[in-house]
N, C-alpha and C. Protein backbone atom coordinates (compact mmCIF):
# COMPACT_ATOMS: atom_id res chain seq x y z
N MET A 1 -60.46 -49.87 -84.03
CA MET A 1 -59.18 -49.61 -84.68
C MET A 1 -59.38 -48.79 -85.95
N GLY A 2 -60.45 -49.07 -86.69
CA GLY A 2 -60.71 -48.34 -87.92
C GLY A 2 -61.03 -46.88 -87.67
N ASP A 3 -61.79 -46.62 -86.58
CA ASP A 3 -62.12 -45.23 -86.24
C ASP A 3 -60.88 -44.44 -85.86
N LEU A 4 -59.97 -45.07 -85.15
CA LEU A 4 -58.73 -44.40 -84.76
C LEU A 4 -57.89 -44.06 -85.99
N LEU A 5 -57.84 -44.97 -86.93
CA LEU A 5 -57.08 -44.73 -88.16
C LEU A 5 -57.68 -43.58 -88.96
N VAL A 6 -58.99 -43.52 -89.03
CA VAL A 6 -59.66 -42.41 -89.73
C VAL A 6 -59.38 -41.10 -89.00
N PHE A 7 -59.46 -41.12 -87.67
CA PHE A 7 -59.21 -39.92 -86.88
C PHE A 7 -57.79 -39.40 -87.11
N VAL A 8 -56.81 -40.27 -87.03
CA VAL A 8 -55.41 -39.87 -87.22
C VAL A 8 -55.17 -39.40 -88.65
N SER A 9 -55.79 -40.04 -89.62
CA SER A 9 -55.64 -39.63 -91.02
C SER A 9 -56.17 -38.22 -91.24
N PHE A 10 -57.36 -37.95 -90.73
CA PHE A 10 -57.93 -36.61 -90.88
C PHE A 10 -57.13 -35.57 -90.08
N TRP A 11 -56.63 -35.96 -88.91
CA TRP A 11 -55.80 -35.06 -88.11
C TRP A 11 -54.57 -34.66 -88.90
N THR A 12 -53.93 -35.64 -89.52
CA THR A 12 -52.75 -35.37 -90.34
C THR A 12 -53.10 -34.46 -91.51
N MET A 13 -54.22 -34.72 -92.15
CA MET A 13 -54.63 -33.89 -93.29
C MET A 13 -54.84 -32.44 -92.86
N TRP A 14 -55.57 -32.22 -91.78
CA TRP A 14 -55.82 -30.84 -91.32
C TRP A 14 -54.55 -30.17 -90.86
N ALA A 15 -53.65 -30.92 -90.22
CA ALA A 15 -52.39 -30.34 -89.77
C ALA A 15 -51.54 -29.91 -90.96
N LEU A 16 -51.50 -30.72 -92.01
CA LEU A 16 -50.72 -30.36 -93.19
C LEU A 16 -51.32 -29.16 -93.92
N ILE A 17 -52.64 -29.11 -94.00
CA ILE A 17 -53.30 -27.97 -94.63
C ILE A 17 -53.02 -26.69 -93.84
N SER A 18 -53.14 -26.75 -92.53
CA SER A 18 -52.89 -25.55 -91.73
C SER A 18 -51.42 -25.16 -91.77
N TYR A 19 -50.50 -26.13 -91.83
CA TYR A 19 -49.07 -25.81 -91.96
C TYR A 19 -48.80 -25.11 -93.28
N PHE A 20 -49.44 -25.56 -94.34
CA PHE A 20 -49.28 -24.93 -95.65
C PHE A 20 -49.77 -23.48 -95.60
N ILE A 21 -50.90 -23.24 -94.96
CA ILE A 21 -51.43 -21.88 -94.84
C ILE A 21 -50.50 -21.01 -94.00
N VAL A 22 -49.97 -21.56 -92.91
CA VAL A 22 -49.03 -20.81 -92.07
C VAL A 22 -47.78 -20.45 -92.86
N GLN A 23 -47.30 -21.36 -93.69
CA GLN A 23 -46.11 -21.08 -94.48
C GLN A 23 -46.36 -19.94 -95.47
N ILE A 24 -47.50 -19.94 -96.11
CA ILE A 24 -47.83 -18.86 -97.05
C ILE A 24 -47.92 -17.53 -96.30
N TYR A 25 -48.58 -17.52 -95.16
CA TYR A 25 -48.72 -16.29 -94.39
C TYR A 25 -47.36 -15.81 -93.89
N SER A 26 -46.56 -16.71 -93.34
CA SER A 26 -45.26 -16.35 -92.79
C SER A 26 -44.31 -15.85 -93.86
N GLU A 27 -44.37 -16.45 -95.01
CA GLU A 27 -43.47 -16.07 -96.10
C GLU A 27 -43.71 -14.62 -96.52
N SER A 28 -44.95 -14.19 -96.51
CA SER A 28 -45.26 -12.85 -96.99
C SER A 28 -45.22 -11.78 -95.90
N ARG A 29 -45.33 -12.17 -94.64
CA ARG A 29 -45.47 -11.16 -93.58
C ARG A 29 -44.35 -11.13 -92.55
N ILE A 30 -43.64 -12.23 -92.39
CA ILE A 30 -42.64 -12.32 -91.32
C ILE A 30 -41.28 -12.56 -91.93
N GLN A 31 -40.28 -11.83 -91.46
CA GLN A 31 -38.92 -12.02 -91.96
C GLN A 31 -38.38 -13.36 -91.48
N GLU A 32 -37.51 -13.94 -92.28
CA GLU A 32 -37.00 -15.30 -92.02
C GLU A 32 -36.33 -15.42 -90.65
N GLU A 33 -35.57 -14.42 -90.24
CA GLU A 33 -34.85 -14.52 -88.96
C GLU A 33 -35.79 -14.39 -87.76
N ASN A 34 -36.99 -13.89 -87.96
CA ASN A 34 -37.96 -13.75 -86.86
C ASN A 34 -38.93 -14.91 -86.76
N ARG A 35 -38.84 -15.86 -87.66
CA ARG A 35 -39.79 -16.98 -87.65
C ARG A 35 -39.34 -18.06 -86.67
N ASN A 36 -40.30 -18.66 -86.00
CA ASN A 36 -40.04 -19.76 -85.09
C ASN A 36 -40.67 -21.02 -85.71
N LYS A 37 -39.84 -21.83 -86.34
CA LYS A 37 -40.34 -22.99 -87.09
C LYS A 37 -41.02 -24.00 -86.17
N LEU A 38 -40.45 -24.23 -84.99
CA LEU A 38 -41.04 -25.19 -84.06
C LEU A 38 -42.43 -24.75 -83.63
N LEU A 39 -42.58 -23.46 -83.36
CA LEU A 39 -43.89 -22.94 -82.97
C LEU A 39 -44.89 -23.07 -84.11
N GLU A 40 -44.44 -22.85 -85.35
CA GLU A 40 -45.32 -23.02 -86.51
C GLU A 40 -45.81 -24.46 -86.63
N ILE A 41 -44.90 -25.41 -86.42
CA ILE A 41 -45.26 -26.83 -86.52
C ILE A 41 -46.23 -27.22 -85.40
N LEU A 42 -45.92 -26.80 -84.17
CA LEU A 42 -46.80 -27.13 -83.04
C LEU A 42 -48.17 -26.49 -83.19
N ALA A 43 -48.21 -25.25 -83.67
CA ALA A 43 -49.50 -24.59 -83.88
C ALA A 43 -50.31 -25.30 -84.95
N SER A 44 -49.66 -25.77 -85.99
CA SER A 44 -50.36 -26.48 -87.06
C SER A 44 -50.92 -27.81 -86.56
N ILE A 45 -50.13 -28.52 -85.76
CA ILE A 45 -50.61 -29.79 -85.20
C ILE A 45 -51.79 -29.53 -84.26
N GLY A 46 -51.68 -28.50 -83.43
CA GLY A 46 -52.77 -28.16 -82.52
C GLY A 46 -54.03 -27.73 -83.25
N PHE A 47 -53.87 -26.91 -84.29
CA PHE A 47 -55.02 -26.46 -85.06
C PHE A 47 -55.66 -27.64 -85.78
N GLY A 48 -54.83 -28.53 -86.34
CA GLY A 48 -55.36 -29.72 -86.99
C GLY A 48 -56.16 -30.58 -86.03
N LEU A 49 -55.67 -30.73 -84.81
CA LEU A 49 -56.38 -31.51 -83.80
C LEU A 49 -57.69 -30.83 -83.42
N LEU A 50 -57.66 -29.52 -83.26
CA LEU A 50 -58.87 -28.78 -82.89
C LEU A 50 -59.95 -28.91 -83.96
N VAL A 51 -59.59 -28.70 -85.21
CA VAL A 51 -60.56 -28.82 -86.31
C VAL A 51 -61.10 -30.24 -86.37
N ASN A 52 -60.22 -31.21 -86.23
CA ASN A 52 -60.61 -32.60 -86.31
C ASN A 52 -61.57 -32.97 -85.18
N LEU A 53 -61.27 -32.53 -83.97
CA LEU A 53 -62.15 -32.83 -82.84
C LEU A 53 -63.53 -32.20 -83.04
N ILE A 54 -63.56 -30.96 -83.52
CA ILE A 54 -64.85 -30.31 -83.77
C ILE A 54 -65.65 -31.09 -84.81
N LEU A 55 -65.00 -31.48 -85.89
CA LEU A 55 -65.70 -32.22 -86.94
C LEU A 55 -66.19 -33.58 -86.45
N PHE A 56 -65.39 -34.27 -85.66
CA PHE A 56 -65.79 -35.58 -85.18
C PHE A 56 -66.90 -35.48 -84.14
N VAL A 57 -66.93 -34.41 -83.36
CA VAL A 57 -68.00 -34.23 -82.39
C VAL A 57 -69.30 -33.86 -83.10
N VAL A 58 -69.22 -32.99 -84.10
CA VAL A 58 -70.42 -32.55 -84.82
C VAL A 58 -71.00 -33.68 -85.64
N TYR A 59 -70.15 -34.43 -86.31
CA TYR A 59 -70.64 -35.49 -87.18
C TYR A 59 -70.50 -36.83 -86.50
């Protein structure tokens, strides 16, 4: 149970960090009407999961 909690906590952390980076990039490069917020959120969650899985496999 403790390992799962750590995994989910780190997943959330990486997802929030990647979402923050996507927001900065989108704000400067993409016009508001062309942005797909749902896709940004899903991509951030997926990227957070990918980074987290790599880190947990390596360490």
